[in-house]
Amino acid sequence: MPCRGCRCSPPRWSRPVRLVRLVRIAAAAWAGLVVLLTWQALRAQPLLAPDATTLTALALLVAATVAAVAALLAADRRAAVPVHA
C-alpha cells in the first residue's frame, strides 16, 4: 500500500510479482519438507532423531530455498538499477 501525503514508495518486497514468486518458493519448500518427512517416516526413522541421510536432504532443501530467494532478490535488484549509457 503506497504512502499517502508523502513521496515514499512502498517497500520493494510488497510488489505483487515479487510476492507471488516468494509464495511459490515457500510453497515449493513446504512441499519439499512434506516429501522429506514422508520419506523419513517410510524409512522408519524417528522424527526427532533423523539419520545423516535425512539431515543431508534437509540441508539440501534449505540451501535450495535460500538460493532461490537470493536469486529472486538479486534479479529484482538488477532489474531496478537503471543502466546509463
Foldseek 3Di string as FASTA:
>chain_A
DADPPDDDGPDPCPDVVNVVQLVVLVVVLVVLVVVLVVVCVVVVHDPVDGDPVSVVSNVVSVVVSVVSNVVSVVVVVVVPDDDDD
